[in-house]
Amino acid sequence: MWGVWLSVPDPALPNARNASGPHRAAHRPHRAVVFGAAGTALTADERAFFRDADPLGFILFRRNCDTPEQVRALVAEMRAAVGRADAPVLIDQEGGRVARMRPPHWPAFPPMRAFGDLAARDAAAGREAAWINARLLALMLADCGVTVDCAPVCDVPVEGAHDIIGDRAFCGDPARVADLARATCEGLMAGAVLPVVKHLPGHGRAFTDSHAELPVVDAPREALEATDFAPFRALADMPLGMVAHVVLKAIDPDAPASTSAVVMRDVVRGAPIGFDGLLFSDDLSMGALAGGMRGRAEAVLAAGLDVVLHCNGVMEEMMAVAEGVPAMSGEAVRRWTRAEALRGPAQPVDADALRARLAELLGTPQV
């Protein structure tokens, strides 16, 4: 049924009239969106919708992850739906409380704060542990076909901030955050998984949870540049980033960063950070954003982000998002192509030796 709804040619897209089916990739860029799915396998409606919507890729959540065999099958279904064996599949697998793949079928990984605590005692040990942890994460994800991890968190938490970041952050020292985040990025990429640095331009000062409501940060620009922006500035060469739904009053008091052309132009792409990788929005279905899903998607892209994320798998919402999202821009395609060129093949690794070394560094049982 969705084939009829999405079959109207978009005059902005070259060869749009011939853009359905598995050979679309030769005709036009993919739609600038990443979608979730409702369950552990695609429904017939989801397969038809994804085929015609042609999203850049997909994202997995806890509801989608039961066993390794099931996740591999779901990932294959997703890629088959769009006719692309290389369609990216994302996941939020940070470790600690943010982990979509969990025991008993997958090992538990520590939160990022564990590496910050270790680095406070021994910077080199913290860096080594962060790299090993990320390399083992990549091994687990790649085994199931996942190619992008929405990690590391590069936010710098402040005293009294909402615990939505909490131990997901490495620590409160911007330089140490940048050091450990870079080690994490390099460990993931060594395992053929692309990292996504998040949440630009900084979520650490938020006193509310953007999943439920819109956080407003009152800090002066000087403080933001010295702390919040600093890790992202140090990681501006990374291939992928995610932009937060947070208002920075000192920059743009009227819109969250994810829908603010001012924040994007003057901070994220501008001198304070200078990030030129591909930028995803945080999830469009979060409570921080107002209005309908189509309007949210349009506002994110109008602000200058490259790709929107819609994660909850609700079909009616996905339809509305797709109506407002065109094919990726030329700049977005350039950024994605550059990111993909950095992925893989995975470097050979002795996983057992790495697990033993990580346990030794952290003083914990093996993962």
Protein backbone atom coordinates (compact mmCIF):
# COMPACT_ATOMS: atom_id res chain seq x y z
CA MET A 1 0.00 0.00 0.00
CA TRP A 2 2.83 2.43 0.72
CA GLY A 3 4.12 1.99 -2.84
CA VAL A 4 1.17 4.03 -4.14
CA TRP A 5 1.65 6.73 -1.51
CA LEU A 6 5.34 7.26 -2.27
CA SER A 7 5.29 6.65 -5.99
CA VAL A 8 4.55 10.28 -6.96
CA PRO A 9 7.75 11.53 -8.63
CA ASP A 10 9.69 14.24 -6.82
CA PRO A 11 10.83 16.75 -9.45
CA ALA A 12 13.80 17.64 -7.28
CA LEU A 13 15.17 14.13 -7.65
CA PRO A 14 16.87 13.03 -10.87
CA ASN A 15 15.19 10.04 -12.49
CA ALA A 16 12.60 10.07 -9.71
CA ARG A 17 10.04 8.36 -11.93
CA ASN A 18 12.32 5.31 -12.09
CA ALA A 19 13.43 5.48 -8.47
CA SER A 20 11.66 2.49 -6.94
CA GLY A 21 13.07 -0.98 -6.47
CA PRO A 22 16.54 -2.32 -5.74
CA HIS A 23 18.27 -0.44 -8.57
CA ARG A 24 17.39 3.02 -7.26
CA ALA A 25 20.91 3.63 -5.98
CA ALA A 26 22.13 4.16 -9.53
CA HIS A 27 19.55 6.92 -10.09
CA ARG A 28 19.46 9.17 -7.03
CA PRO A 29 20.65 9.62 -3.45
CA HIS A 30 18.75 7.87 -0.70
CA ARG A 31 16.19 9.66 1.44
CA ALA A 32 17.83 11.67 4.23
CA VAL A 33 16.40 9.61 7.06
CA VAL A 34 17.20 6.60 9.24
CA PHE A 35 14.19 4.61 10.44
CA GLY A 36 13.53 2.12 13.20
CA ALA A 37 11.28 -0.94 13.04
CA ALA A 38 8.58 -2.09 15.42
CA GLY A 39 9.78 -5.58 16.35
CA THR A 40 12.16 -8.46 15.87
CA ALA A 41 11.20 -9.04 12.22
CA LEU A 42 9.81 -6.77 9.51
CA THR A 43 6.10 -6.84 8.74
CA ALA A 44 4.89 -6.86 5.15
CA ASP A 45 3.85 -3.22 5.53
CA GLU A 46 7.31 -2.26 6.81
CA ARG A 47 9.02 -4.01 3.94
CA ALA A 48 6.82 -2.21 1.40
CA PHE A 49 7.26 1.14 3.14
CA PHE A 50 11.03 0.87 3.39
CA ARG A 51 11.27 -0.26 -0.23
CA ASP A 52 9.47 2.85 -1.45
CA ALA A 53 10.77 5.35 1.12
CA ASP A 54 14.39 4.27 0.48
CA PRO A 55 15.89 5.58 3.74
CA LEU A 56 19.66 5.93 4.04
CA GLY A 57 19.55 3.22 6.68
CA PHE A 58 18.05 1.81 9.86
CA ILE A 59 18.49 1.88 13.64
CA LEU A 60 17.99 -0.94 16.15
CA PHE A 61 16.58 -0.64 19.65
CA ARG A 62 16.06 -3.07 22.52
CA ARG A 63 12.72 -4.19 21.09
CA ASN A 64 14.55 -5.33 17.94
CA CYS A 65 17.25 -7.41 19.64
CA ASP A 66 16.44 -10.88 20.94
CA THR A 67 19.23 -13.26 19.85
CA PRO A 68 22.26 -12.93 17.56
CA GLU A 69 20.61 -15.11 14.91
CA GLN A 70 17.43 -13.03 15.02
CA VAL A 71 19.32 -9.72 14.76
CA ARG A 72 21.31 -10.99 11.79
CA ALA A 73 18.06 -12.01 10.10
CA LEU A 74 16.42 -8.64 10.84
CA VAL A 75 19.41 -6.71 9.53
CA ALA A 76 19.34 -8.80 6.36
CA GLU A 77 15.61 -8.13 5.98
CA MET A 78 16.15 -4.40 6.34
CA ARG A 79 18.84 -4.33 3.70
CA ALA A 80 16.81 -6.53 1.38
CA ALA A 81 13.86 -4.15 1.70
CA VAL A 82 15.89 -1.30 0.21
CA GLY A 83 17.88 -3.51 -2.15
CA ARG A 84 21.24 -2.50 -0.70
CA ALA A 85 23.57 -4.91 1.04
CA ASP A 86 25.59 -1.95 2.34
CA ALA A 87 22.70 0.07 3.85
CA PRO A 88 23.96 1.29 7.24
CA VAL A 89 22.44 -0.20 10.37
CA LEU A 90 22.87 1.88 13.52
CA ILE A 91 22.51 1.08 17.21
CA ASP A 92 23.01 2.87 20.55
CA GLN A 93 25.43 0.47 22.19
CA GLU A 94 27.40 2.62 24.62
CA GLY A 95 27.71 0.19 27.52
CA GLY A 96 26.21 0.51 30.98
CA ARG A 97 22.53 1.43 30.96
CA VAL A 98 22.46 2.33 27.25
CA ALA A 99 22.78 -1.04 25.57
CA ARG A 100 20.29 -2.48 23.11
CA MET A 101 22.04 -5.87 22.90
CA ARG A 102 22.16 -7.34 26.40
CA PRO A 103 22.92 -10.51 28.36
CA PRO A 104 22.38 -13.41 28.23
CA HIS A 105 23.06 -13.42 24.49
CA TRP A 106 25.60 -10.59 24.51
CA PRO A 107 28.12 -9.49 27.14
CA ALA A 108 27.55 -6.46 29.35
CA PHE A 109 30.00 -3.62 28.79
CA PRO A 110 30.86 -0.94 31.36
CA PRO A 111 29.57 2.64 31.17
CA MET A 112 31.97 5.23 29.79
CA ARG A 113 32.48 6.69 33.27
CA ALA A 114 34.55 3.60 34.12
CA PHE A 115 37.19 4.74 31.63
CA GLY A 116 37.12 8.30 32.90
CA ASP A 117 37.68 7.06 36.44
CA LEU A 118 40.58 4.88 35.30
CA ALA A 119 42.11 7.71 33.27
CA ALA A 120 41.98 10.00 36.31
CA ARG A 121 44.40 7.58 37.96
CA ASP A 122 46.39 6.60 34.86
CA ALA A 123 45.75 8.42 31.57
CA ALA A 124 47.48 5.82 29.40
CA ALA A 125 45.59 2.94 31.03
CA GLY A 126 42.29 4.74 30.59
CA ARG A 127 43.01 5.36 26.93
CA GLU A 128 44.05 1.74 26.35
CA ALA A 129 40.97 0.42 28.12
CA ALA A 130 38.65 2.69 26.14
CA TRP A 131 40.18 1.48 22.86
CA ILE A 132 39.95 -2.21 23.84
CA ASN A 133 36.37 -1.81 25.03
CA ALA A 134 35.38 -0.20 21.75
CA ARG A 135 37.19 -2.84 19.72
CA LEU A 136 35.27 -5.56 21.54
CA LEU A 137 32.01 -3.67 21.06
CA ALA A 138 32.75 -3.49 17.33
CA LEU A 139 33.44 -7.22 17.23
CA MET A 140 30.04 -7.93 18.77
CA LEU A 141 28.16 -5.47 16.56
CA ALA A 142 29.83 -6.46 13.31
CA ASP A 143 29.00 -10.10 14.01
CA CYS A 144 25.32 -9.12 13.72
CA GLY A 145 25.78 -6.86 10.71
CA VAL A 146 25.61 -3.54 12.59
CA THR A 147 27.91 -0.97 10.97
CA VAL A 148 27.38 2.23 13.00
CA ASP A 149 27.46 2.69 16.79
CA CYS A 150 25.90 5.87 18.18
CA ALA A 151 28.79 6.35 20.61
CA PRO A 152 30.82 7.80 22.22
CA VAL A 153 29.05 10.35 24.40
CA CYS A 154 31.30 13.42 24.38
CA ASP A 155 29.19 15.56 26.71
CA VAL A 156 30.82 17.22 29.72
CA PRO A 157 28.45 16.90 32.69
CA VAL A 158 28.20 19.62 35.34
CA GLU A 159 27.18 19.37 38.97
CA GLY A 160 23.42 19.06 39.35
CA ALA A 161 22.70 18.26 35.71
CA HIS A 162 20.02 15.70 34.86
CA ASP A 163 21.20 12.12 35.13
CA ILE A 164 20.14 11.36 31.56
CA ILE A 165 23.85 11.78 30.75
CA GLY A 166 25.38 10.84 34.10
CA ASP A 167 27.77 7.89 33.84
CA ARG A 168 27.29 7.78 30.08
CA ALA A 169 29.88 10.59 30.03
CA PHE A 170 33.55 9.86 30.60
CA CYS A 171 34.11 12.64 33.13
CA GLY A 172 33.89 16.39 33.69
CA ASP A 173 37.29 17.26 32.20
CA PRO A 174 36.88 18.31 28.54
CA ALA A 175 40.42 17.34 27.56
CA ARG A 176 40.11 13.88 29.11
CA VAL A 177 36.70 13.43 27.48
CA ALA A 178 38.24 14.20 24.09
CA ASP A 179 41.15 11.82 24.67
CA LEU A 180 38.96 8.89 25.72
CA ALA A 181 36.37 9.58 23.04
CA ARG A 182 39.04 9.52 20.35
CA ALA A 183 40.33 6.19 21.66
CA THR A 184 36.77 4.87 21.55
CA CYS A 185 36.25 6.09 17.99
CA GLU A 186 39.51 4.51 16.88
CA GLY A 187 38.64 1.19 18.55
CA LEU A 188 35.27 1.06 16.82
CA MET A 189 36.74 1.92 13.42
CA ALA A 190 39.45 -0.73 13.85
CA GLY A 191 36.55 -3.18 14.00
CA ALA A 192 34.79 -1.82 10.89
CA VAL A 193 32.10 0.03 12.86
CA LEU A 194 31.67 3.79 12.42
CA PRO A 195 31.34 5.90 15.60
CA VAL A 196 28.87 8.75 16.06
CA VAL A 197 30.12 11.45 18.43
CA LYS A 198 27.25 12.86 20.45
CA HIS A 199 25.49 15.07 21.48
CA LEU A 200 26.74 18.14 19.62
CA PRO A 201 27.16 20.90 20.68
CA GLY A 202 26.83 19.52 24.22
CA HIS A 203 24.14 18.01 26.48
CA GLY A 204 26.10 17.95 29.74
CA ARG A 205 24.54 21.11 31.22
CA ALA A 206 20.94 20.02 30.62
CA PHE A 207 18.86 19.98 33.79
CA THR A 208 16.00 18.12 32.11
CA ASP A 209 15.78 14.97 30.00
CA SER A 210 15.34 15.80 26.32
CA HIS A 211 13.50 12.49 25.86
CA ALA A 212 10.67 14.08 27.88
CA GLU A 213 11.00 17.88 27.51
CA LEU A 214 13.17 20.56 25.96
CA PRO A 215 16.25 21.43 28.05
CA VAL A 216 17.32 25.10 28.15
CA VAL A 217 20.94 25.89 29.01
CA ASP A 218 21.65 29.35 30.46
CA ALA A 219 25.47 29.21 30.48
CA PRO A 220 27.36 32.08 28.83
CA ARG A 221 29.02 31.49 25.49
CA GLU A 222 32.51 31.69 27.00
CA ALA A 223 31.76 28.80 29.34
CA LEU A 224 30.22 26.75 26.55
CA GLU A 225 33.26 27.24 24.32
CA ALA A 226 35.68 26.34 27.11
CA THR A 227 33.88 23.17 28.22
CA ASP A 228 30.89 21.86 26.27
CA PHE A 229 32.22 22.59 22.78
CA ALA A 230 35.82 21.58 23.51
CA PRO A 231 35.60 17.77 23.07
CA PHE A 232 33.66 18.15 19.82
CA ARG A 233 36.20 20.66 18.56
CA ALA A 234 38.97 18.16 19.32
CA LEU A 235 37.00 15.47 17.44
CA ALA A 236 35.96 17.61 14.48
CA ASP A 237 37.70 15.18 12.11
CA MET A 238 35.39 12.30 13.05
CA PRO A 239 33.07 11.05 10.27
CA LEU A 240 29.67 11.16 12.01
CA GLY A 241 27.99 13.22 14.70
CA MET A 242 24.61 13.57 16.39
CA VAL A 243 23.02 16.91 17.29
CA ALA A 244 21.07 17.38 20.52
CA HIS A 245 17.61 18.80 21.14
CA VAL A 246 18.94 21.40 23.61
CA VAL A 247 18.47 25.17 23.63
CA LEU A 248 21.66 27.17 24.21
CA LYS A 249 20.29 30.58 25.21
CA ALA A 250 23.60 32.31 24.63
CA ILE A 251 23.61 31.19 20.98
CA ASP A 252 19.96 30.89 19.93
CA PRO A 253 17.31 31.32 22.65
CA ASP A 254 14.47 30.44 20.28
CA ALA A 255 15.28 26.94 19.01
CA PRO A 256 17.05 23.75 20.07
CA ALA A 257 20.41 23.13 18.44
CA SER A 258 18.91 20.45 16.19
CA THR A 259 16.54 22.94 14.53
CA SER A 260 18.68 26.07 14.82
CA ALA A 261 20.42 27.33 11.68
CA VAL A 262 22.30 29.77 13.93
CA VAL A 263 23.77 27.02 16.13
CA MET A 264 24.60 24.92 13.10
CA ARG A 265 26.25 27.75 11.16
CA ASP A 266 27.94 29.65 13.98
CA VAL A 267 28.93 26.80 16.31
CA VAL A 268 28.74 23.24 14.96
CA ARG A 269 29.99 23.97 11.43
CA GLY A 270 31.62 27.26 12.47
CA ALA A 271 34.86 28.04 14.27
CA PRO A 272 33.86 27.01 17.83
CA ILE A 273 33.64 23.34 16.74
CA GLY A 274 34.25 23.11 12.98
CA PHE A 275 32.68 19.67 12.50
CA ASP A 276 32.48 18.64 8.82
CA GLY A 277 31.30 15.06 9.22
CA LEU A 278 27.77 13.92 8.48
CA LEU A 279 25.30 15.09 11.11
CA PHE A 280 22.30 13.09 12.32
CA SER A 281 19.60 14.61 14.46
CA ASP A 282 18.76 13.00 17.75
CA ASP A 283 15.49 11.04 17.59
CA LEU A 284 12.63 13.10 16.14
CA SER A 285 10.11 11.36 18.38
CA MET A 286 11.66 12.69 21.60
CA GLY A 287 9.53 14.96 23.79
CA ALA A 288 11.93 17.90 23.44
CA LEU A 289 10.55 18.74 19.99
CA ALA A 290 7.14 20.25 19.32
CA GLY A 291 4.78 19.86 16.37
CA GLY A 292 4.07 17.04 13.97
CA MET A 293 6.67 14.63 12.71
CA ARG A 294 6.80 16.06 9.22
CA GLY A 295 7.38 19.55 10.58
CA ARG A 296 10.08 18.32 12.94
CA ALA A 297 11.92 16.60 10.10
CA GLU A 298 11.66 19.65 7.86
CA ALA A 299 12.96 21.94 10.64
CA VAL A 300 15.98 19.71 11.29
CA LEU A 301 16.98 19.63 7.63
CA ALA A 302 16.32 23.35 7.18
CA ALA A 303 18.73 24.03 10.04
CA GLY A 304 21.51 22.33 8.10
CA LEU A 305 21.69 18.79 9.44
CA ASP A 306 22.25 16.00 6.93
CA VAL A 307 20.02 13.11 8.05
CA VAL A 308 17.09 12.82 10.46
CA LEU A 309 16.61 9.93 12.87
CA HIS A 310 13.16 8.53 13.57
CA CYS A 311 13.50 5.61 15.91
CA ASN A 312 10.24 4.36 17.43
CA GLY A 313 9.04 2.32 14.45
CA VAL A 314 5.50 3.76 14.49
CA MET A 315 4.28 3.52 10.91
CA GLU A 316 2.04 6.60 10.91
CA GLU A 317 4.91 8.74 12.19
CA MET A 318 7.37 7.29 9.68
CA MET A 319 4.96 8.07 6.85
CA ALA A 320 4.72 11.68 7.99
CA VAL A 321 8.51 11.97 8.29
CA ALA A 322 9.06 10.53 4.83
CA GLU A 323 6.62 13.06 3.35
CA GLY A 324 8.83 15.89 4.63
CA VAL A 325 12.25 14.42 3.87
CA PRO A 326 13.83 14.63 0.41
CA ALA A 327 16.81 12.78 -0.96
CA MET A 328 20.13 13.51 0.70
CA SER A 329 21.80 16.72 -0.41
CA GLY A 330 25.02 16.69 -2.38
CA GLU A 331 26.96 17.70 0.73
CA ALA A 332 25.31 14.95 2.77
CA VAL A 333 26.20 12.38 0.10
CA ARG A 334 29.80 13.63 0.10
CA ARG A 335 30.00 13.34 3.87
CA TRP A 336 28.44 9.88 3.92
CA THR A 337 30.74 8.64 1.15
CA ARG A 338 33.74 9.90 3.08
CA ALA A 339 32.52 8.22 6.27
CA GLU A 340 31.94 4.88 4.53
CA ALA A 341 35.45 5.01 3.08
CA LEU A 342 36.78 4.94 6.65
CA ARG A 343 34.91 1.75 7.57
CA GLY A 344 36.73 -1.54 7.40
CA PRO A 345 37.89 -4.06 6.79
CA ALA A 346 38.23 -5.02 10.42
CA GLN A 347 41.76 -5.44 11.71
CA PRO A 348 42.57 -8.96 12.98
CA VAL A 349 42.25 -9.25 16.73
CA ASP A 350 42.74 -11.79 19.54
CA ALA A 351 39.44 -11.23 21.31
CA ASP A 352 40.25 -13.42 24.33
CA ALA A 353 43.49 -11.56 24.92
CA LEU A 354 41.70 -8.22 24.67
CA ARG A 355 39.02 -9.31 27.14
CA ALA A 356 41.65 -10.44 29.60
CA ARG A 357 43.57 -7.19 29.26
CA LEU A 358 40.44 -5.07 29.70
CA ALA A 359 39.51 -6.97 32.85
CA GLU A 360 43.04 -6.45 34.15
CA LEU A 361 42.93 -2.70 33.46
CA LEU A 362 39.50 -2.20 35.02
CA GLY A 363 39.97 -4.69 37.85
CA THR A 364 36.74 -6.45 36.91
CA PRO A 365 35.67 -9.87 35.59
CA GLN A 366 36.07 -10.45 31.86
CA VAL A 367 33.30 -9.21 29.56
